[in-house]
Amino acid sequence: MVTLLCCSAFSVCLDRSRLLRRVSLQLLRLRLMDRPLFLLMLFGFSTALVAALARRTLAVTLMSAMTRALVVEIEIAVETKYTKGALQRGPEALLRALLMMVAFSAHFGAFLLPTGSNELLDFKALSDRHLSELSLTQPGFWVLTNGPCTLVLVVFNALYFHLLHLRRL
């Protein structure tokens, strides 16, 4: 997982190096990283920590790299039809968690970059396409995914304003 994080982050940082990006995606395709829920937890903690340190560029870099990895996980889940590894135990719950984090990263990216990020918008379009293919577009699903995202964003906004903005005044 650490290798995946490093490769993905460096692939975004170092002028979007194709070699490093291919290495990180290949690690996922070879299923050497078969713990997507741990990936989600690490993604959440790392973005929260980086955002708390007011390192916006690094936060967006991590978020972008991890979103790319999550989209690949969704593609693997669709291709294998939930027959291998962790997907066998709870495919719907896992896919919902992955898609929730993709949606969360798009919302969080909009918070960090008010002008918007084309890369995150591309990831959002990818996730929307997968959602339509998986027939998970019911209103209840969007309430389930966007509700926690909105709550977390409100908390982040409050913490950022209180801890960082007010101290600078």
N, C-alpha and C. Protein backbone atom coordinates (compact mmCIF):
# COMPACT_ATOMS: atom_id res chain seq x y z
N MET A 1 0.83 -1.20 0.00
CA MET A 1 0.00 0.00 0.00
C MET A 1 0.87 1.25 0.00
N VAL A 2 1.96 1.21 0.78
CA VAL A 2 2.87 2.35 0.80
C VAL A 2 3.48 2.54 -0.58
N THR A 3 3.83 1.43 -1.24
CA THR A 3 4.38 1.51 -2.59
C THR A 3 3.37 2.14 -3.54
N LEU A 4 2.13 1.72 -3.41
CA LEU A 4 1.07 2.27 -4.27
C LEU A 4 0.93 3.76 -4.05
N LEU A 5 0.90 4.17 -2.78
CA LEU A 5 0.77 5.59 -2.47
C LEU A 5 1.93 6.39 -3.05
N CYS A 6 3.14 5.89 -2.85
CA CYS A 6 4.32 6.61 -3.34
C CYS A 6 4.30 6.71 -4.85
N CYS A 7 4.04 5.59 -5.52
CA CYS A 7 4.03 5.60 -6.99
C CYS A 7 2.95 6.52 -7.53
N SER A 8 1.76 6.44 -6.95
CA SER A 8 0.67 7.28 -7.43
C SER A 8 0.94 8.74 -7.18
N ALA A 9 1.41 9.06 -5.98
CA ALA A 9 1.69 10.47 -5.67
C ALA A 9 2.80 11.02 -6.54
N PHE A 10 3.87 10.22 -6.73
CA PHE A 10 4.96 10.69 -7.57
C PHE A 10 4.53 10.82 -9.02
N SER A 11 3.62 9.95 -9.46
CA SER A 11 3.17 10.03 -10.85
C SER A 11 2.43 11.34 -11.11
N VAL A 12 1.78 11.86 -10.07
CA VAL A 12 1.10 13.14 -10.23
C VAL A 12 2.08 14.28 -10.06
N CYS A 13 2.98 14.16 -9.10
CA CYS A 13 3.92 15.26 -8.80
C CYS A 13 4.94 15.47 -9.91
N LEU A 14 5.58 14.41 -10.33
CA LEU A 14 6.70 14.54 -11.26
C LEU A 14 6.22 14.61 -12.69
N ASP A 15 5.53 15.69 -12.99
CA ASP A 15 5.09 15.96 -14.36
C ASP A 15 4.27 14.82 -14.93
N ARG A 16 3.48 14.20 -14.11
CA ARG A 16 2.59 13.11 -14.53
C ARG A 16 3.36 12.01 -15.26
N SER A 17 4.40 11.54 -14.62
CA SER A 17 5.27 10.53 -15.22
C SER A 17 4.48 9.28 -15.60
N ARG A 18 4.51 8.94 -16.88
CA ARG A 18 3.76 7.78 -17.35
C ARG A 18 4.31 6.48 -16.77
N LEU A 19 5.62 6.41 -16.61
CA LEU A 19 6.22 5.18 -16.08
C LEU A 19 5.73 4.90 -14.66
N LEU A 20 5.79 5.91 -13.78
CA LEU A 20 5.37 5.70 -12.40
C LEU A 20 3.88 5.45 -12.30
N ARG A 21 3.11 6.12 -13.15
CA ARG A 21 1.67 5.89 -13.13
C ARG A 21 1.37 4.45 -13.54
N ARG A 22 2.07 3.96 -14.56
CA ARG A 22 1.86 2.58 -15.00
C ARG A 22 2.24 1.59 -13.91
N VAL A 23 3.31 1.89 -13.17
CA VAL A 23 3.72 1.01 -12.07
C VAL A 23 2.61 0.91 -11.03
N SER A 24 2.05 2.07 -10.64
CA SER A 24 1.02 2.06 -9.60
C SER A 24 -0.24 1.34 -10.08
N LEU A 25 -0.63 1.56 -11.34
CA LEU A 25 -1.82 0.88 -11.86
C LEU A 25 -1.56 -0.61 -12.04
N GLN A 26 -0.34 -0.97 -12.41
CA GLN A 26 -0.02 -2.39 -12.58
C GLN A 26 -0.07 -3.12 -11.25
N LEU A 27 0.35 -2.46 -10.18
CA LEU A 27 0.27 -3.09 -8.86
C LEU A 27 -1.18 -3.43 -8.52
N LEU A 28 -2.09 -2.55 -8.90
CA LEU A 28 -3.50 -2.84 -8.64
C LEU A 28 -4.00 -3.96 -9.54
N ARG A 29 -3.62 -3.92 -10.80
CA ARG A 29 -4.11 -4.94 -11.74
C ARG A 29 -3.59 -6.33 -11.40
N LEU A 30 -2.38 -6.39 -10.86
CA LEU A 30 -1.82 -7.68 -10.46
C LEU A 30 -2.38 -8.15 -9.13
N ARG A 31 -3.23 -7.33 -8.54
CA ARG A 31 -3.91 -7.63 -7.29
C ARG A 31 -2.91 -7.81 -6.14
N LEU A 32 -1.77 -7.10 -6.23
CA LEU A 32 -0.84 -7.09 -5.11
C LEU A 32 -1.38 -6.19 -4.00
N MET A 33 -2.31 -5.33 -4.34
CA MET A 33 -2.96 -4.47 -3.37
C MET A 33 -4.43 -4.88 -3.32
N ASP A 34 -4.75 -5.88 -2.54
CA ASP A 34 -6.12 -6.39 -2.53
C ASP A 34 -6.83 -6.01 -1.24
N ARG A 35 -6.58 -4.81 -0.74
CA ARG A 35 -7.23 -4.36 0.47
C ARG A 35 -7.80 -2.96 0.25
N PRO A 36 -8.81 -2.83 -0.59
CA PRO A 36 -9.32 -1.50 -0.91
C PRO A 36 -9.90 -0.76 0.28
N LEU A 37 -10.42 -1.47 1.27
CA LEU A 37 -10.97 -0.75 2.42
C LEU A 37 -9.86 -0.09 3.24
N PHE A 38 -8.71 -0.76 3.36
CA PHE A 38 -7.58 -0.12 4.01
C PHE A 38 -7.10 1.07 3.19
N LEU A 39 -7.18 0.93 1.87
CA LEU A 39 -6.82 2.02 0.98
C LEU A 39 -7.72 3.23 1.24
N LEU A 40 -8.99 2.96 1.44
CA LEU A 40 -9.94 4.04 1.72
C LEU A 40 -9.62 4.72 3.04
N MET A 41 -9.33 3.92 4.06
CA MET A 41 -9.02 4.50 5.36
C MET A 41 -7.75 5.35 5.29
N LEU A 42 -6.73 4.81 4.63
CA LEU A 42 -5.48 5.56 4.50
C LEU A 42 -5.69 6.84 3.72
N PHE A 43 -6.50 6.77 2.67
CA PHE A 43 -6.82 7.95 1.87
C PHE A 43 -7.50 9.01 2.73
N GLY A 44 -8.49 8.59 3.51
CA GLY A 44 -9.21 9.55 4.35
C GLY A 44 -8.31 10.21 5.38
N PHE A 45 -7.51 9.40 6.07
CA PHE A 45 -6.62 9.96 7.09
C PHE A 45 -5.57 10.87 6.48
N SER A 46 -5.00 10.47 5.34
CA SER A 46 -3.93 11.27 4.75
C SER A 46 -4.44 12.61 4.26
N THR A 47 -5.61 12.62 3.60
CA THR A 47 -6.14 13.90 3.12
C THR A 47 -6.54 14.80 4.28
N ALA A 48 -7.11 14.20 5.33
CA ALA A 48 -7.48 15.02 6.49
C ALA A 48 -6.25 15.62 7.15
N LEU A 49 -5.20 14.80 7.29
CA LEU A 49 -3.98 15.28 7.92
C LEU A 49 -3.32 16.38 7.09
N VAL A 50 -3.23 16.15 5.80
CA VAL A 50 -2.58 17.13 4.93
C VAL A 50 -3.38 18.42 4.88
N ALA A 51 -4.70 18.30 4.81
CA ALA A 51 -5.53 19.50 4.79
C ALA A 51 -5.42 20.26 6.10
N ALA A 52 -5.30 19.52 7.20
CA ALA A 52 -5.15 20.18 8.50
C ALA A 52 -3.84 20.95 8.58
N LEU A 53 -2.84 20.47 7.86
CA LEU A 53 -1.55 21.17 7.84
C LEU A 53 -1.52 22.29 6.80
N ALA A 54 -2.65 22.52 6.17
CA ALA A 54 -2.79 23.60 5.17
C ALA A 54 -1.86 23.41 3.98
N ARG A 55 -1.59 22.19 3.64
CA ARG A 55 -0.79 21.90 2.45
C ARG A 55 -1.75 21.56 1.31
N ARG A 56 -2.34 22.55 0.75
CA ARG A 56 -3.40 22.30 -0.23
C ARG A 56 -2.90 21.56 -1.46
N THR A 57 -1.74 21.94 -1.96
CA THR A 57 -1.22 21.29 -3.17
C THR A 57 -0.98 19.81 -2.93
N LEU A 58 -0.39 19.48 -1.79
CA LEU A 58 -0.13 18.08 -1.48
C LEU A 58 -1.42 17.32 -1.24
N ALA A 59 -2.39 17.97 -0.61
CA ALA A 59 -3.68 17.32 -0.38
C ALA A 59 -4.36 16.96 -1.69
N VAL A 60 -4.34 17.89 -2.63
CA VAL A 60 -4.95 17.62 -3.93
C VAL A 60 -4.17 16.54 -4.67
N THR A 61 -2.86 16.54 -4.53
CA THR A 61 -2.04 15.50 -5.17
C THR A 61 -2.39 14.12 -4.64
N LEU A 62 -2.45 13.99 -3.32
CA LEU A 62 -2.82 12.71 -2.72
C LEU A 62 -4.22 12.29 -3.13
N MET A 63 -5.14 13.25 -3.08
CA MET A 63 -6.52 12.95 -3.41
C MET A 63 -6.65 12.51 -4.86
N SER A 64 -5.94 13.19 -5.74
CA SER A 64 -5.99 12.85 -7.16
C SER A 64 -5.43 11.46 -7.41
N ALA A 65 -4.29 11.16 -6.80
CA ALA A 65 -3.67 9.85 -6.99
C ALA A 65 -4.55 8.74 -6.43
N MET A 66 -5.12 8.96 -5.26
CA MET A 66 -5.94 7.92 -4.65
C MET A 66 -7.24 7.74 -5.40
N THR A 67 -7.79 8.82 -5.97
CA THR A 67 -9.01 8.68 -6.75
C THR A 67 -8.74 7.85 -7.98
N ARG A 68 -7.59 8.08 -8.60
CA ARG A 68 -7.22 7.26 -9.76
C ARG A 68 -7.16 5.78 -9.36
N ALA A 69 -6.55 5.51 -8.22
CA ALA A 69 -6.45 4.12 -7.76
C ALA A 69 -7.83 3.53 -7.47
N LEU A 70 -8.73 4.33 -6.91
CA LEU A 70 -10.07 3.83 -6.60
C LEU A 70 -10.87 3.56 -7.86
N VAL A 71 -10.69 4.40 -8.89
CA VAL A 71 -11.39 4.15 -10.15
C VAL A 71 -10.90 2.84 -10.76
N VAL A 72 -9.60 2.56 -10.66
CA VAL A 72 -9.07 1.29 -11.15
C VAL A 72 -9.66 0.13 -10.36
N GLU A 73 -9.82 0.31 -9.04
CA GLU A 73 -10.43 -0.74 -8.22
C GLU A 73 -11.86 -1.01 -8.68
N ILE A 74 -12.59 0.04 -9.04
CA ILE A 74 -13.96 -0.16 -9.53
C ILE A 74 -13.93 -0.94 -10.83
N GLU A 75 -13.00 -0.60 -11.72
CA GLU A 75 -12.89 -1.33 -12.99
C GLU A 75 -12.57 -2.80 -12.75
N ILE A 76 -11.67 -3.07 -11.81
CA ILE A 76 -11.33 -4.46 -11.49
C ILE A 76 -12.56 -5.18 -10.95
N ALA A 77 -13.33 -4.49 -10.09
CA ALA A 77 -14.52 -5.11 -9.51
C ALA A 77 -15.53 -5.47 -10.59
N VAL A 78 -15.69 -4.58 -11.58
CA VAL A 78 -16.63 -4.86 -12.66
C VAL A 78 -16.14 -6.02 -13.52
N GLU A 79 -14.84 -6.04 -13.81
CA GLU A 79 -14.29 -7.08 -14.68
C GLU A 79 -14.34 -8.46 -14.04
N THR A 80 -14.02 -8.54 -12.75
CA THR A 80 -14.00 -9.84 -12.08
C THR A 80 -15.38 -10.28 -11.61
N LYS A 81 -16.35 -9.38 -11.69
CA LYS A 81 -17.73 -9.68 -11.27
C LYS A 81 -17.78 -10.23 -9.85
N TYR A 82 -17.00 -9.61 -8.98
CA TYR A 82 -17.04 -9.89 -7.54
C TYR A 82 -16.69 -11.33 -7.19
N THR A 83 -15.78 -11.94 -7.90
CA THR A 83 -15.49 -13.35 -7.63
C THR A 83 -14.20 -13.57 -6.88
N LYS A 84 -13.38 -12.54 -6.68
CA LYS A 84 -12.07 -12.77 -6.08
C LYS A 84 -11.87 -11.90 -4.84
N GLY A 85 -11.10 -12.44 -3.92
CA GLY A 85 -10.62 -11.67 -2.78
C GLY A 85 -11.70 -11.01 -1.95
N ALA A 86 -11.44 -9.76 -1.60
CA ALA A 86 -12.34 -9.03 -0.71
C ALA A 86 -13.69 -8.77 -1.35
N LEU A 87 -13.73 -8.73 -2.69
CA LEU A 87 -14.99 -8.45 -3.37
C LEU A 87 -16.00 -9.56 -3.17
N GLN A 88 -15.53 -10.77 -2.87
CA GLN A 88 -16.43 -11.90 -2.71
C GLN A 88 -17.26 -11.76 -1.43
N ARG A 89 -16.72 -11.09 -0.43
CA ARG A 89 -17.41 -11.01 0.86
C ARG A 89 -18.55 -9.99 0.86
N GLY A 90 -18.38 -8.91 0.17
CA GLY A 90 -19.43 -7.90 0.18
C GLY A 90 -19.30 -6.94 -0.98
N PRO A 91 -19.62 -7.39 -2.20
CA PRO A 91 -19.37 -6.55 -3.37
C PRO A 91 -20.12 -5.23 -3.36
N GLU A 92 -21.39 -5.27 -2.96
CA GLU A 92 -22.16 -4.03 -3.00
C GLU A 92 -21.65 -3.02 -1.99
N ALA A 93 -21.36 -3.49 -0.78
CA ALA A 93 -20.86 -2.57 0.25
C ALA A 93 -19.51 -1.99 -0.16
N LEU A 94 -18.66 -2.83 -0.75
CA LEU A 94 -17.34 -2.36 -1.16
C LEU A 94 -17.45 -1.34 -2.28
N LEU A 95 -18.28 -1.62 -3.27
CA LEU A 95 -18.45 -0.68 -4.37
C LEU A 95 -19.05 0.63 -3.89
N ARG A 96 -19.99 0.54 -2.97
CA ARG A 96 -20.57 1.78 -2.44
C ARG A 96 -19.52 2.60 -1.70
N ALA A 97 -18.65 1.91 -0.94
CA ALA A 97 -17.59 2.63 -0.23
C ALA A 97 -16.63 3.29 -1.21
N LEU A 98 -16.25 2.56 -2.27
CA LEU A 98 -15.35 3.11 -3.27
C LEU A 98 -15.97 4.32 -3.96
N LEU A 99 -17.22 4.17 -4.37
CA LEU A 99 -17.88 5.26 -5.09
C LEU A 99 -18.12 6.45 -4.17
N MET A 100 -18.36 6.19 -2.89
CA MET A 100 -18.54 7.28 -1.95
C MET A 100 -17.25 8.08 -1.82
N MET A 101 -16.11 7.38 -1.79
CA MET A 101 -14.85 8.10 -1.69
C MET A 101 -14.52 8.87 -2.96
N VAL A 102 -14.92 8.34 -4.13
CA VAL A 102 -14.73 9.08 -5.37
C VAL A 102 -15.56 10.36 -5.33
N ALA A 103 -16.83 10.23 -4.90
CA ALA A 103 -17.68 11.41 -4.80
C ALA A 103 -17.12 12.39 -3.76
N PHE A 104 -16.65 11.84 -2.64
CA PHE A 104 -16.09 12.70 -1.59
C PHE A 104 -14.86 13.45 -2.09
N SER A 105 -14.00 12.77 -2.85
CA SER A 105 -12.79 13.43 -3.34
C SER A 105 -13.14 14.55 -4.30
N ALA A 106 -14.19 14.36 -5.10
CA ALA A 106 -14.60 15.43 -6.01
C ALA A 106 -15.11 16.63 -5.23
N HIS A 107 -15.93 16.37 -4.19
CA HIS A 107 -16.43 17.47 -3.35
C HIS A 107 -15.28 18.16 -2.62
N PHE A 108 -14.37 17.34 -2.08
CA PHE A 108 -13.26 17.89 -1.31
C PHE A 108 -12.32 18.69 -2.21
N GLY A 109 -12.14 18.22 -3.44
CA GLY A 109 -11.33 18.96 -4.40
C GLY A 109 -11.93 20.30 -4.73
N ALA A 110 -13.25 20.35 -4.84
CA ALA A 110 -13.91 21.63 -5.09
C ALA A 110 -13.73 22.58 -3.91
N PHE A 111 -13.66 22.02 -2.69
CA PHE A 111 -13.43 22.86 -1.50
C PHE A 111 -12.01 23.40 -1.50
N LEU A 112 -11.03 22.54 -1.84
CA LEU A 112 -9.64 22.98 -1.83
C LEU A 112 -9.32 23.91 -2.99
N LEU A 113 -9.93 23.66 -4.13
CA LEU A 113 -9.69 24.48 -5.32
C LEU A 113 -11.01 25.08 -5.78
N PRO A 114 -11.37 26.25 -5.31
CA PRO A 114 -12.67 26.83 -5.68
C PRO A 114 -12.84 27.00 -7.18
N THR A 115 -11.75 27.20 -7.90
CA THR A 115 -11.86 27.37 -9.35
C THR A 115 -12.12 26.06 -10.07
N GLY A 116 -11.96 24.95 -9.37
CA GLY A 116 -12.22 23.64 -9.98
C GLY A 116 -10.95 23.00 -10.51
N SER A 117 -11.00 21.71 -10.64
CA SER A 117 -9.86 20.96 -11.16
C SER A 117 -10.34 20.05 -12.28
N ASN A 118 -9.77 20.22 -13.46
CA ASN A 118 -10.19 19.40 -14.61
C ASN A 118 -9.97 17.92 -14.35
N GLU A 119 -8.87 17.61 -13.67
CA GLU A 119 -8.57 16.20 -13.41
C GLU A 119 -9.64 15.57 -12.53
N LEU A 120 -10.05 16.28 -11.48
CA LEU A 120 -11.09 15.74 -10.61
C LEU A 120 -12.42 15.64 -11.33
N LEU A 121 -12.70 16.59 -12.22
CA LEU A 121 -13.93 16.51 -12.99
C LEU A 121 -13.91 15.29 -13.90
N ASP A 122 -12.74 14.97 -14.45
CA ASP A 122 -12.62 13.77 -15.27
C ASP A 122 -12.90 12.52 -14.45
N PHE A 123 -12.37 12.48 -13.21
CA PHE A 123 -12.63 11.34 -12.34
C PHE A 123 -14.11 11.25 -12.00
N LYS A 124 -14.74 12.40 -11.79
CA LYS A 124 -16.18 12.40 -11.48
C LYS A 124 -16.96 11.83 -12.67
N ALA A 125 -16.58 12.21 -13.88
CA ALA A 125 -17.25 11.68 -15.07
C ALA A 125 -17.05 10.16 -15.17
N LEU A 126 -15.84 9.70 -14.85
CA LEU A 126 -15.57 8.26 -14.86
C LEU A 126 -16.45 7.54 -13.85
N SER A 127 -16.54 8.09 -12.65
CA SER A 127 -17.35 7.43 -11.63
C SER A 127 -18.82 7.44 -12.00
N ASP A 128 -19.29 8.53 -12.62
CA ASP A 128 -20.69 8.59 -13.06
C ASP A 128 -20.98 7.52 -14.10
N ARG A 129 -20.00 7.30 -15.01
CA ARG A 129 -20.19 6.27 -16.03
C ARG A 129 -20.30 4.90 -15.38
N HIS A 130 -19.44 4.64 -14.40
CA HIS A 130 -19.50 3.35 -13.71
C HIS A 130 -20.79 3.20 -12.93
N LEU A 131 -21.26 4.30 -12.35
CA LEU A 131 -22.52 4.23 -11.62
C LEU A 131 -23.66 3.83 -12.54
N SER A 132 -23.71 4.41 -13.74
CA SER A 132 -24.80 4.08 -14.65
C SER A 132 -24.68 2.63 -15.12
N GLU A 133 -23.44 2.15 -15.32
CA GLU A 133 -23.26 0.76 -15.74
C GLU A 133 -23.67 -0.21 -14.64
N LEU A 134 -23.49 0.19 -13.39
CA LEU A 134 -23.79 -0.70 -12.27
C LEU A 134 -25.22 -0.56 -11.76
N SER A 135 -25.99 0.31 -12.40
CA SER A 135 -27.38 0.55 -12.00
C SER A 135 -27.50 0.94 -10.54
N LEU A 136 -26.59 1.80 -10.09
CA LEU A 136 -26.64 2.28 -8.71
C LEU A 136 -27.02 3.75 -8.66
N THR A 137 -27.91 4.15 -9.55
CA THR A 137 -28.24 5.57 -9.64
C THR A 137 -29.54 5.92 -8.91
N GLN A 138 -30.02 5.04 -8.05
CA GLN A 138 -31.25 5.33 -7.32
C GLN A 138 -31.05 6.51 -6.38
N PRO A 139 -32.12 7.28 -6.11
CA PRO A 139 -31.99 8.44 -5.21
C PRO A 139 -31.46 8.06 -3.83
N GLY A 140 -31.86 6.90 -3.31
CA GLY A 140 -31.38 6.48 -2.00
C GLY A 140 -29.87 6.32 -1.95
N PHE A 141 -29.29 5.85 -3.06
CA PHE A 141 -27.84 5.68 -3.10
C PHE A 141 -27.14 7.03 -3.01
N TRP A 142 -27.68 8.04 -3.71
CA TRP A 142 -27.04 9.36 -3.70
C TRP A 142 -27.18 10.03 -2.34
N VAL A 143 -28.31 9.79 -1.66
CA VAL A 143 -28.45 10.32 -0.30
C VAL A 143 -27.42 9.67 0.61
N LEU A 144 -27.24 8.36 0.44
CA LEU A 144 -26.28 7.62 1.27
C LEU A 144 -24.85 8.10 1.03
N THR A 145 -24.50 8.35 -0.24
CA THR A 145 -23.12 8.72 -0.55
C THR A 145 -22.85 10.20 -0.29
N ASN A 146 -23.77 11.06 -0.70
CA ASN A 146 -23.50 12.50 -0.59
C ASN A 146 -23.79 13.05 0.80
N GLY A 147 -24.62 12.36 1.58
CA GLY A 147 -24.89 12.82 2.95
C GLY A 147 -23.63 12.89 3.80
N PRO A 148 -22.89 11.78 3.95
CA PRO A 148 -21.63 11.84 4.72
C PRO A 148 -20.62 12.81 4.13
N CYS A 149 -20.57 12.89 2.78
CA CYS A 149 -19.64 13.83 2.15
C CYS A 149 -19.94 15.26 2.58
N THR A 150 -21.21 15.62 2.55
CA THR A 150 -21.60 16.98 2.92
C THR A 150 -21.28 17.24 4.38
N LEU A 151 -21.56 16.28 5.25
CA LEU A 151 -21.29 16.45 6.67
C LEU A 151 -19.79 16.64 6.93
N VAL A 152 -18.97 15.81 6.30
CA VAL A 152 -17.52 15.92 6.48
C VAL A 152 -17.01 17.25 5.95
N LEU A 153 -17.54 17.70 4.82
CA LEU A 153 -17.11 18.98 4.26
C LEU A 153 -17.47 20.14 5.16
N VAL A 154 -18.64 20.08 5.79
CA VAL A 154 -19.03 21.14 6.72
C VAL A 154 -18.05 21.18 7.89
N VAL A 155 -17.68 20.01 8.40
CA VAL A 155 -16.72 19.94 9.51
C VAL A 155 -15.36 20.49 9.07
N PHE A 156 -14.90 20.09 7.87
CA PHE A 156 -13.63 20.60 7.36
C PHE A 156 -13.66 22.11 7.20
N ASN A 157 -14.75 22.63 6.65
CA ASN A 157 -14.86 24.08 6.49
C ASN A 157 -14.80 24.79 7.83
N ALA A 158 -15.51 24.25 8.81
CA ALA A 158 -15.53 24.88 10.13
C ALA A 158 -14.14 24.84 10.77
N LEU A 159 -13.48 23.68 10.69
CA LEU A 159 -12.14 23.56 11.27
C LEU A 159 -11.15 24.46 10.56
N TYR A 160 -11.22 24.50 9.25
CA TYR A 160 -10.29 25.34 8.50
C TYR A 160 -10.48 26.81 8.87
N PHE A 161 -11.73 27.24 8.91
CA PHE A 161 -12.00 28.65 9.22
C PHE A 161 -11.59 28.97 10.64
N HIS A 162 -11.91 28.08 11.58
CA HIS A 162 -11.64 28.35 12.99
C HIS A 162 -10.15 28.26 13.32
N LEU A 163 -9.49 27.19 12.86
CA LEU A 163 -8.11 26.95 13.27
C LEU A 163 -7.08 27.71 12.44
N LEU A 164 -7.37 27.93 11.17
CA LEU A 164 -6.36 28.54 10.31
C LEU A 164 -6.68 29.98 9.95
N HIS A 165 -7.89 30.21 9.50
CA HIS A 165 -8.23 31.55 9.02
C HIS A 165 -8.27 32.55 10.17
N LEU A 166 -8.90 32.19 11.28
CA LEU A 166 -9.02 33.13 12.39
C LEU A 166 -7.66 33.43 13.02
N ARG A 167 -6.75 32.46 13.01
CA ARG A 167 -5.43 32.70 13.60
C ARG A 167 -4.60 33.68 12.77
N ARG A 168 -4.89 33.75 11.48
CA ARG A 168 -4.13 34.65 10.61
C ARG A 168 -4.62 36.08 10.69
N LEU A 169 -5.80 36.28 11.25
CA LEU A 169 -6.35 37.65 11.34
C LEU A 169 -5.68 38.45 12.44
